[in-house]
N, C-alpha and C. Protein backbone atom coordinates (compact mmCIF):
# COMPACT_ATOMS: atom_id res chain seq x y z
N MET A 1 -76.71 -121.18 140.17
CA MET A 1 -76.02 -120.16 139.41
C MET A 1 -76.82 -118.85 139.48
N ALA A 2 -76.15 -117.76 139.79
CA ALA A 2 -76.80 -116.46 139.89
C ALA A 2 -77.18 -115.96 138.50
N PRO A 3 -78.35 -115.34 138.38
CA PRO A 3 -78.76 -114.83 137.08
C PRO A 3 -77.92 -113.62 136.65
N THR A 4 -77.81 -113.47 135.35
CA THR A 4 -77.17 -112.29 134.76
C THR A 4 -78.20 -111.60 133.88
N LEU A 5 -77.95 -110.33 133.58
CA LEU A 5 -78.88 -109.55 132.77
C LEU A 5 -78.26 -109.16 131.44
N ARG A 6 -79.13 -109.05 130.46
CA ARG A 6 -78.74 -108.55 129.14
C ARG A 6 -79.97 -107.97 128.47
N PRO A 7 -79.78 -107.15 127.44
CA PRO A 7 -80.94 -106.63 126.71
C PRO A 7 -81.70 -107.75 126.00
N LEU A 8 -83.00 -107.60 125.92
CA LEU A 8 -83.84 -108.53 125.17
C LEU A 8 -83.47 -108.48 123.70
N ALA A 9 -83.37 -109.64 123.07
CA ALA A 9 -83.14 -109.74 121.63
C ALA A 9 -84.39 -110.32 120.98
N LEU A 10 -84.55 -110.09 119.70
CA LEU A 10 -85.72 -110.57 118.98
C LEU A 10 -85.93 -112.08 119.18
N GLY A 11 -84.85 -112.85 119.20
CA GLY A 11 -84.95 -114.30 119.39
C GLY A 11 -85.44 -114.72 120.76
N ASP A 12 -85.46 -113.79 121.72
CA ASP A 12 -85.95 -114.10 123.07
C ASP A 12 -87.46 -113.97 123.17
N VAL A 13 -88.06 -113.21 122.29
CA VAL A 13 -89.46 -112.80 122.45
C VAL A 13 -90.40 -113.99 122.57
N GLU A 14 -90.42 -114.87 121.59
CA GLU A 14 -91.39 -115.98 121.61
C GLU A 14 -91.13 -116.98 122.73
N PRO A 15 -89.87 -117.43 122.94
CA PRO A 15 -89.66 -118.39 124.03
C PRO A 15 -89.99 -117.79 125.41
N LEU A 16 -89.62 -116.55 125.62
CA LEU A 16 -89.89 -115.92 126.91
C LEU A 16 -91.40 -115.71 127.09
N ALA A 17 -92.07 -115.27 126.05
CA ALA A 17 -93.52 -115.09 126.11
C ALA A 17 -94.21 -116.41 126.43
N ARG A 18 -93.76 -117.47 125.83
CA ARG A 18 -94.35 -118.80 126.08
C ARG A 18 -94.17 -119.20 127.55
N ASP A 19 -92.97 -118.95 128.10
CA ASP A 19 -92.69 -119.33 129.48
C ASP A 19 -93.44 -118.44 130.48
N LEU A 20 -93.56 -117.16 130.19
CA LEU A 20 -94.19 -116.23 131.13
C LEU A 20 -95.72 -116.24 131.07
N ALA A 21 -96.28 -116.68 129.97
CA ALA A 21 -97.74 -116.63 129.79
C ALA A 21 -98.50 -117.44 130.82
N ALA A 22 -97.84 -118.40 131.46
CA ALA A 22 -98.51 -119.23 132.47
C ALA A 22 -98.65 -118.52 133.82
N LEU A 23 -98.01 -117.38 133.99
CA LEU A 23 -98.11 -116.66 135.27
C LEU A 23 -99.56 -116.24 135.52
N PRO A 24 -100.07 -116.45 136.73
CA PRO A 24 -101.46 -116.09 137.04
C PRO A 24 -101.79 -114.63 136.71
N LEU A 25 -100.88 -113.72 136.93
CA LEU A 25 -101.12 -112.31 136.62
C LEU A 25 -101.39 -112.12 135.14
N LEU A 26 -100.57 -112.72 134.29
CA LEU A 26 -100.74 -112.56 132.84
C LEU A 26 -102.00 -113.26 132.35
N VAL A 27 -102.32 -114.39 132.96
CA VAL A 27 -103.58 -115.08 132.62
C VAL A 27 -104.75 -114.17 132.95
N ARG A 28 -104.74 -113.58 134.13
CA ARG A 28 -105.85 -112.71 134.57
C ARG A 28 -106.03 -111.52 133.64
N TYR A 29 -104.93 -111.00 133.11
CA TYR A 29 -105.00 -109.84 132.21
C TYR A 29 -105.12 -110.25 130.74
N GLY A 30 -105.30 -111.54 130.47
CA GLY A 30 -105.55 -112.00 129.10
C GLY A 30 -104.35 -111.93 128.18
N ARG A 31 -103.16 -112.02 128.74
CA ARG A 31 -101.96 -111.96 127.92
C ARG A 31 -101.43 -113.38 127.73
N ASP A 32 -101.98 -114.10 126.76
CA ASP A 32 -101.46 -115.43 126.45
C ASP A 32 -100.13 -115.28 125.72
N ALA A 33 -99.51 -116.40 125.37
CA ALA A 33 -98.18 -116.36 124.76
C ALA A 33 -98.16 -115.53 123.48
N GLY A 34 -99.18 -115.66 122.66
CA GLY A 34 -99.22 -114.88 121.41
C GLY A 34 -99.34 -113.39 121.67
N ALA A 35 -100.25 -113.02 122.56
CA ALA A 35 -100.44 -111.59 122.87
C ALA A 35 -99.19 -111.01 123.51
N LEU A 36 -98.58 -111.75 124.43
CA LEU A 36 -97.37 -111.25 125.08
C LEU A 36 -96.23 -111.13 124.08
N ALA A 37 -96.10 -112.08 123.17
CA ALA A 37 -95.05 -111.99 122.14
C ALA A 37 -95.27 -110.77 121.26
N ARG A 38 -96.52 -110.50 120.89
CA ARG A 38 -96.80 -109.28 120.09
C ARG A 38 -96.45 -108.03 120.88
N ASP A 39 -96.84 -108.00 122.16
CA ASP A 39 -96.53 -106.84 123.00
C ASP A 39 -95.03 -106.62 123.12
N LEU A 40 -94.29 -107.69 123.38
CA LEU A 40 -92.84 -107.57 123.54
C LEU A 40 -92.16 -107.20 122.22
N GLY A 41 -92.64 -107.77 121.12
CA GLY A 41 -92.08 -107.40 119.81
C GLY A 41 -92.29 -105.93 119.51
N ALA A 42 -93.49 -105.42 119.81
CA ALA A 42 -93.77 -104.00 119.59
C ALA A 42 -92.92 -103.14 120.52
N ALA A 43 -92.75 -103.58 121.77
CA ALA A 43 -91.93 -102.82 122.73
C ALA A 43 -90.48 -102.77 122.27
N LEU A 44 -89.99 -103.88 121.74
CA LEU A 44 -88.62 -103.93 121.22
C LEU A 44 -88.47 -102.97 120.04
N ALA A 45 -89.44 -102.97 119.14
CA ALA A 45 -89.39 -102.08 117.98
C ALA A 45 -89.44 -100.60 118.38
N ARG A 46 -90.17 -100.29 119.46
CA ARG A 46 -90.27 -98.90 119.95
C ARG A 46 -89.03 -98.45 120.71
N GLY A 47 -88.24 -99.41 121.15
CA GLY A 47 -87.07 -99.06 121.94
C GLY A 47 -87.34 -98.97 123.44
N ASP A 48 -88.42 -99.61 123.91
CA ASP A 48 -88.67 -99.66 125.35
C ASP A 48 -87.51 -100.35 126.05
N GLY A 49 -87.38 -100.12 127.35
CA GLY A 49 -86.38 -100.83 128.12
C GLY A 49 -86.82 -102.27 128.32
N LEU A 50 -86.00 -103.21 127.91
CA LEU A 50 -86.31 -104.64 128.03
C LEU A 50 -85.05 -105.38 128.43
N LEU A 51 -85.08 -105.98 129.61
CA LEU A 51 -83.95 -106.75 130.10
C LEU A 51 -84.37 -108.19 130.35
N VAL A 52 -83.50 -109.12 129.99
CA VAL A 52 -83.72 -110.54 130.21
C VAL A 52 -82.74 -111.01 131.28
N ALA A 53 -83.25 -111.79 132.23
CA ALA A 53 -82.40 -112.46 133.20
C ALA A 53 -82.16 -113.88 132.70
N GLU A 54 -80.91 -114.30 132.77
CA GLU A 54 -80.54 -115.66 132.37
C GLU A 54 -79.81 -116.35 133.51
N ALA A 55 -80.01 -117.64 133.63
CA ALA A 55 -79.28 -118.46 134.59
C ALA A 55 -79.05 -119.82 133.95
N GLY A 56 -77.80 -120.24 133.92
CA GLY A 56 -77.48 -121.54 133.35
C GLY A 56 -77.90 -121.67 131.90
N GLY A 57 -77.88 -120.56 131.14
CA GLY A 57 -78.27 -120.58 129.74
C GLY A 57 -79.75 -120.50 129.48
N ALA A 58 -80.56 -120.46 130.54
CA ALA A 58 -82.01 -120.38 130.38
C ALA A 58 -82.50 -118.97 130.69
N ARG A 59 -83.52 -118.54 129.96
CA ARG A 59 -84.17 -117.26 130.24
C ARG A 59 -85.05 -117.46 131.46
N VAL A 60 -84.84 -116.65 132.50
CA VAL A 60 -85.58 -116.86 133.75
C VAL A 60 -86.40 -115.65 134.18
N GLY A 61 -86.27 -114.53 133.49
CA GLY A 61 -87.05 -113.37 133.89
C GLY A 61 -86.94 -112.23 132.91
N LEU A 62 -87.79 -111.23 133.14
CA LEU A 62 -87.90 -110.08 132.25
C LEU A 62 -88.25 -108.83 133.04
N ALA A 63 -87.63 -107.72 132.66
CA ALA A 63 -88.07 -106.40 133.12
C ALA A 63 -88.39 -105.59 131.87
N TRP A 64 -89.55 -104.94 131.89
CA TRP A 64 -90.02 -104.11 130.77
C TRP A 64 -90.35 -102.75 131.35
N PHE A 65 -89.74 -101.72 130.81
CA PHE A 65 -89.92 -100.39 131.41
C PHE A 65 -89.79 -99.28 130.37
N HIS A 66 -90.28 -98.12 130.80
CA HIS A 66 -90.12 -96.88 130.04
C HIS A 66 -89.17 -96.02 130.87
N PRO A 67 -88.02 -95.63 130.33
CA PRO A 67 -87.02 -94.93 131.13
C PRO A 67 -87.43 -93.54 131.60
N SER A 68 -88.39 -92.92 130.95
CA SER A 68 -88.78 -91.57 131.36
C SER A 68 -90.20 -91.29 130.90
N GLY A 69 -90.73 -90.18 131.39
CA GLY A 69 -92.02 -89.71 130.91
C GLY A 69 -93.17 -89.84 131.88
N THR A 70 -93.08 -90.70 132.88
CA THR A 70 -94.21 -90.92 133.78
C THR A 70 -94.47 -89.67 134.61
N LEU A 71 -95.67 -89.14 134.47
CA LEU A 71 -96.08 -87.93 135.17
C LEU A 71 -95.11 -86.77 134.91
N GLY A 72 -94.34 -86.88 133.85
CA GLY A 72 -93.34 -85.87 133.54
C GLY A 72 -92.17 -85.87 134.51
N LEU A 73 -92.07 -86.93 135.33
CA LEU A 73 -91.07 -86.95 136.40
C LEU A 73 -90.11 -88.13 136.39
N GLY A 74 -90.49 -89.25 135.83
CA GLY A 74 -89.61 -90.39 135.98
C GLY A 74 -89.96 -91.59 135.15
N ALA A 75 -89.32 -92.68 135.50
CA ALA A 75 -89.44 -93.94 134.76
C ALA A 75 -90.65 -94.73 135.25
N TYR A 76 -91.11 -95.63 134.39
CA TYR A 76 -92.25 -96.49 134.71
C TYR A 76 -91.88 -97.94 134.46
N LEU A 77 -92.02 -98.77 135.48
CA LEU A 77 -91.79 -100.20 135.35
C LEU A 77 -93.09 -100.86 134.94
N ARG A 78 -93.13 -101.32 133.73
CA ARG A 78 -94.36 -101.92 133.20
C ARG A 78 -94.55 -103.36 133.68
N LEU A 79 -93.45 -104.10 133.74
CA LEU A 79 -93.56 -105.51 134.14
C LEU A 79 -92.22 -106.03 134.62
N VAL A 80 -92.25 -106.71 135.75
CA VAL A 80 -91.17 -107.59 136.17
C VAL A 80 -91.81 -108.96 136.29
N ALA A 81 -91.25 -109.93 135.62
CA ALA A 81 -91.82 -111.27 135.64
C ALA A 81 -90.70 -112.30 135.70
N VAL A 82 -90.92 -113.32 136.53
CA VAL A 82 -89.98 -114.41 136.67
C VAL A 82 -90.67 -115.69 136.19
N VAL A 83 -89.99 -116.46 135.39
CA VAL A 83 -90.52 -117.70 134.83
C VAL A 83 -90.98 -118.62 135.96
N PRO A 84 -92.17 -119.22 135.83
CA PRO A 84 -92.65 -120.15 136.86
C PRO A 84 -91.61 -121.24 137.14
N GLY A 85 -91.42 -121.50 138.43
CA GLY A 85 -90.44 -122.49 138.85
C GLY A 85 -89.08 -121.88 139.14
N ARG A 86 -88.90 -120.61 138.80
CA ARG A 86 -87.62 -119.93 139.02
C ARG A 86 -87.73 -118.81 140.06
N GLU A 87 -88.89 -118.77 140.76
CA GLU A 87 -89.11 -117.74 141.76
C GLU A 87 -88.20 -117.95 142.96
N ARG A 88 -88.06 -116.90 143.74
CA ARG A 88 -87.34 -116.91 145.02
C ARG A 88 -85.86 -117.24 144.88
N ALA A 89 -85.28 -116.86 143.73
CA ALA A 89 -83.84 -117.07 143.52
C ALA A 89 -83.11 -115.74 143.35
N GLY A 90 -83.80 -114.63 143.65
CA GLY A 90 -83.18 -113.32 143.54
C GLY A 90 -83.33 -112.67 142.17
N THR A 91 -83.99 -113.33 141.25
CA THR A 91 -84.13 -112.80 139.90
C THR A 91 -84.96 -111.53 139.88
N GLY A 92 -86.10 -111.54 140.57
CA GLY A 92 -86.94 -110.35 140.60
C GLY A 92 -86.21 -109.16 141.19
N ALA A 93 -85.49 -109.39 142.28
CA ALA A 93 -84.73 -108.30 142.92
C ALA A 93 -83.65 -107.77 141.99
N LEU A 94 -82.97 -108.66 141.28
CA LEU A 94 -81.94 -108.24 140.33
C LEU A 94 -82.54 -107.38 139.22
N LEU A 95 -83.67 -107.81 138.68
CA LEU A 95 -84.34 -107.05 137.63
C LEU A 95 -84.83 -105.70 138.16
N LEU A 96 -85.35 -105.67 139.37
CA LEU A 96 -85.83 -104.42 139.97
C LEU A 96 -84.67 -103.45 140.18
N ARG A 97 -83.55 -103.92 140.71
CA ARG A 97 -82.38 -103.04 140.89
C ARG A 97 -81.89 -102.49 139.56
N ALA A 98 -81.91 -103.31 138.52
CA ALA A 98 -81.47 -102.83 137.20
C ALA A 98 -82.41 -101.75 136.69
N PHE A 99 -83.72 -101.94 136.87
CA PHE A 99 -84.67 -100.91 136.48
C PHE A 99 -84.41 -99.62 137.26
N GLU A 100 -84.24 -99.73 138.56
CA GLU A 100 -84.00 -98.55 139.38
C GLU A 100 -82.75 -97.80 138.94
N ALA A 101 -81.71 -98.54 138.56
CA ALA A 101 -80.48 -97.90 138.07
C ALA A 101 -80.75 -97.15 136.76
N GLU A 102 -81.52 -97.76 135.86
CA GLU A 102 -81.88 -97.08 134.61
C GLU A 102 -82.75 -95.86 134.88
N ALA A 103 -83.67 -95.98 135.82
CA ALA A 103 -84.53 -94.86 136.17
C ALA A 103 -83.71 -93.70 136.72
N ALA A 104 -82.70 -94.00 137.53
CA ALA A 104 -81.86 -92.97 138.13
C ALA A 104 -81.05 -92.22 137.08
N ARG A 105 -80.75 -92.85 135.96
CA ARG A 105 -80.02 -92.15 134.88
C ARG A 105 -80.86 -91.04 134.27
N ALA A 106 -82.17 -91.25 134.27
CA ALA A 106 -83.08 -90.31 133.61
C ALA A 106 -83.68 -89.29 134.57
N GLY A 107 -83.69 -89.58 135.85
CA GLY A 107 -84.34 -88.67 136.79
C GLY A 107 -84.25 -89.16 138.21
N ARG A 108 -85.11 -88.63 139.05
CA ARG A 108 -85.07 -88.98 140.46
C ARG A 108 -86.24 -89.84 140.92
N HIS A 109 -87.17 -90.13 140.03
CA HIS A 109 -88.39 -90.82 140.45
C HIS A 109 -88.64 -92.05 139.58
N ALA A 110 -89.25 -93.05 140.20
CA ALA A 110 -89.67 -94.25 139.48
C ALA A 110 -91.07 -94.63 139.96
N PHE A 111 -91.85 -95.18 139.05
CA PHE A 111 -93.24 -95.53 139.33
C PHE A 111 -93.54 -96.92 138.81
N LEU A 112 -94.55 -97.55 139.41
CA LEU A 112 -95.06 -98.81 138.91
C LEU A 112 -96.48 -98.99 139.43
N LEU A 113 -97.20 -99.90 138.83
CA LEU A 113 -98.56 -100.25 139.27
C LEU A 113 -98.57 -101.72 139.69
N VAL A 114 -99.35 -102.00 140.74
CA VAL A 114 -99.54 -103.38 141.20
C VAL A 114 -101.03 -103.61 141.37
N SER A 115 -101.53 -104.70 140.87
CA SER A 115 -102.94 -105.05 141.03
C SER A 115 -103.28 -105.27 142.49
N ASP A 116 -104.47 -104.87 142.88
CA ASP A 116 -104.88 -105.00 144.28
C ASP A 116 -104.85 -106.43 144.78
N PHE A 117 -105.07 -107.40 143.90
CA PHE A 117 -105.08 -108.81 144.31
C PHE A 117 -103.68 -109.42 144.39
N ASN A 118 -102.66 -108.71 143.92
CA ASN A 118 -101.31 -109.26 143.85
C ASN A 118 -100.53 -108.90 145.12
N LEU A 119 -100.92 -109.53 146.21
CA LEU A 119 -100.33 -109.22 147.52
C LEU A 119 -98.85 -109.56 147.61
N ASP A 120 -98.43 -110.63 146.96
CA ASP A 120 -97.00 -110.98 146.97
C ASP A 120 -96.18 -109.87 146.32
N ALA A 121 -96.65 -109.33 145.21
CA ALA A 121 -95.93 -108.25 144.54
C ALA A 121 -95.90 -107.00 145.42
N GLN A 122 -97.00 -106.70 146.07
CA GLN A 122 -97.03 -105.53 146.96
C GLN A 122 -95.98 -105.67 148.05
N ARG A 123 -95.92 -106.84 148.68
CA ARG A 123 -94.91 -107.06 149.73
C ARG A 123 -93.50 -106.98 149.16
N PHE A 124 -93.28 -107.53 147.98
CA PHE A 124 -91.97 -107.49 147.33
C PHE A 124 -91.50 -106.04 147.14
N TYR A 125 -92.34 -105.22 146.53
CA TYR A 125 -91.94 -103.84 146.26
C TYR A 125 -91.74 -103.06 147.56
N GLU A 126 -92.59 -103.27 148.53
CA GLU A 126 -92.45 -102.57 149.80
C GLU A 126 -91.16 -102.97 150.52
N ARG A 127 -90.77 -104.24 150.43
CA ARG A 127 -89.48 -104.68 151.00
C ARG A 127 -88.32 -103.97 150.34
N HIS A 128 -88.50 -103.57 149.08
CA HIS A 128 -87.43 -102.90 148.34
C HIS A 128 -87.55 -101.38 148.38
N GLY A 129 -88.31 -100.86 149.33
CA GLY A 129 -88.36 -99.43 149.56
C GLY A 129 -89.37 -98.64 148.76
N TRP A 130 -90.26 -99.30 148.06
CA TRP A 130 -91.29 -98.61 147.29
C TRP A 130 -92.43 -98.21 148.22
N GLN A 131 -93.03 -97.04 147.94
CA GLN A 131 -94.12 -96.53 148.75
C GLN A 131 -95.44 -96.54 147.99
N ARG A 132 -96.45 -97.05 148.64
CA ARG A 132 -97.81 -97.02 148.09
C ARG A 132 -98.23 -95.55 148.02
N SER A 133 -98.69 -95.11 146.85
CA SER A 133 -98.95 -93.68 146.66
C SER A 133 -100.34 -93.34 146.17
N GLY A 134 -101.10 -94.32 145.74
CA GLY A 134 -102.44 -94.02 145.26
C GLY A 134 -103.11 -95.26 144.72
N ALA A 135 -104.36 -95.09 144.31
CA ALA A 135 -105.14 -96.21 143.79
C ALA A 135 -105.93 -95.75 142.57
N LEU A 136 -105.98 -96.60 141.57
CA LEU A 136 -106.67 -96.30 140.31
C LEU A 136 -107.67 -97.42 140.01
N PRO A 137 -108.90 -97.30 140.51
CA PRO A 137 -109.89 -98.37 140.30
C PRO A 137 -110.27 -98.51 138.83
N GLY A 138 -110.28 -99.75 138.36
CA GLY A 138 -110.74 -100.04 137.00
C GLY A 138 -109.86 -99.50 135.89
N LEU A 139 -108.63 -99.13 136.19
CA LEU A 139 -107.75 -98.56 135.16
C LEU A 139 -107.53 -99.52 133.99
N VAL A 140 -107.24 -100.77 134.30
CA VAL A 140 -106.94 -101.76 133.26
C VAL A 140 -108.07 -102.77 133.12
N LEU A 141 -108.56 -103.28 134.24
CA LEU A 141 -109.65 -104.26 134.25
C LEU A 141 -110.74 -103.78 135.20
N GLU A 142 -111.99 -103.92 134.77
CA GLU A 142 -113.11 -103.62 135.66
C GLU A 142 -113.00 -104.49 136.91
N GLY A 143 -113.23 -103.90 138.05
CA GLY A 143 -113.22 -104.65 139.29
C GLY A 143 -111.84 -104.84 139.90
N VAL A 144 -110.81 -104.35 139.24
CA VAL A 144 -109.44 -104.46 139.77
C VAL A 144 -108.90 -103.05 139.96
N THR A 145 -108.37 -102.79 141.14
CA THR A 145 -107.74 -101.50 141.42
C THR A 145 -106.24 -101.64 141.24
N GLU A 146 -105.67 -100.75 140.47
CA GLU A 146 -104.22 -100.71 140.31
C GLU A 146 -103.67 -99.77 141.37
N ILE A 147 -102.70 -100.25 142.12
CA ILE A 147 -102.10 -99.46 143.19
C ILE A 147 -100.81 -98.84 142.65
N LEU A 148 -100.73 -97.53 142.76
CA LEU A 148 -99.55 -96.78 142.29
C LEU A 148 -98.48 -96.82 143.37
N TYR A 149 -97.29 -97.23 142.98
CA TYR A 149 -96.13 -97.21 143.86
C TYR A 149 -95.12 -96.22 143.30
N TRP A 150 -94.36 -95.59 144.21
CA TRP A 150 -93.36 -94.59 143.85
C TRP A 150 -92.10 -94.84 144.67
N LYS A 151 -90.96 -94.52 144.07
CA LYS A 151 -89.69 -94.58 144.79
C LYS A 151 -88.80 -93.48 144.25
N ARG A 152 -88.15 -92.78 145.18
CA ARG A 152 -87.12 -91.82 144.77
C ARG A 152 -85.85 -92.63 144.52
N VAL A 153 -85.29 -92.48 143.34
CA VAL A 153 -84.09 -93.23 142.97
C VAL A 153 -82.90 -92.27 142.95
N ALA A 154 -81.75 -92.77 143.36
CA ALA A 154 -80.55 -91.93 143.42
C ALA A 154 -79.96 -91.74 142.03
N ARG A 155 -79.44 -90.55 141.81
CA ARG A 155 -78.74 -90.29 140.55
C ARG A 155 -77.31 -90.68 140.64
């Protein structure tokens, strides 16, 4: 069954945080289920962009973004995450396209960061037309360089 998207609801926060916390990226950044649930709850309260992917009644992914403001030019994708065991089913691409559509409503540019060690994510974004644009050593974690990606999005 193909995933569908909807806005994140308060009742999604804890179950989704629990499922996503096992991802190696979130483990490396110290975002366990409790920390991720607090982050998502705060993002929901602020009105950040939060989309949930569902398939067969199960939550299978999340996109978290800021629709505008990055460098004064565009949207910022904070996180795309697919629940372990649900990868390679098109969920990440669906969430990315939805973010790009939201970004295009607000402007012409979209940005995201990818950790230098996350080679699969780098290949994923590059396959979807994102361009590597810079590097920010130690921005979030000492010893990890965050790679800035940019894409011009259509209005």
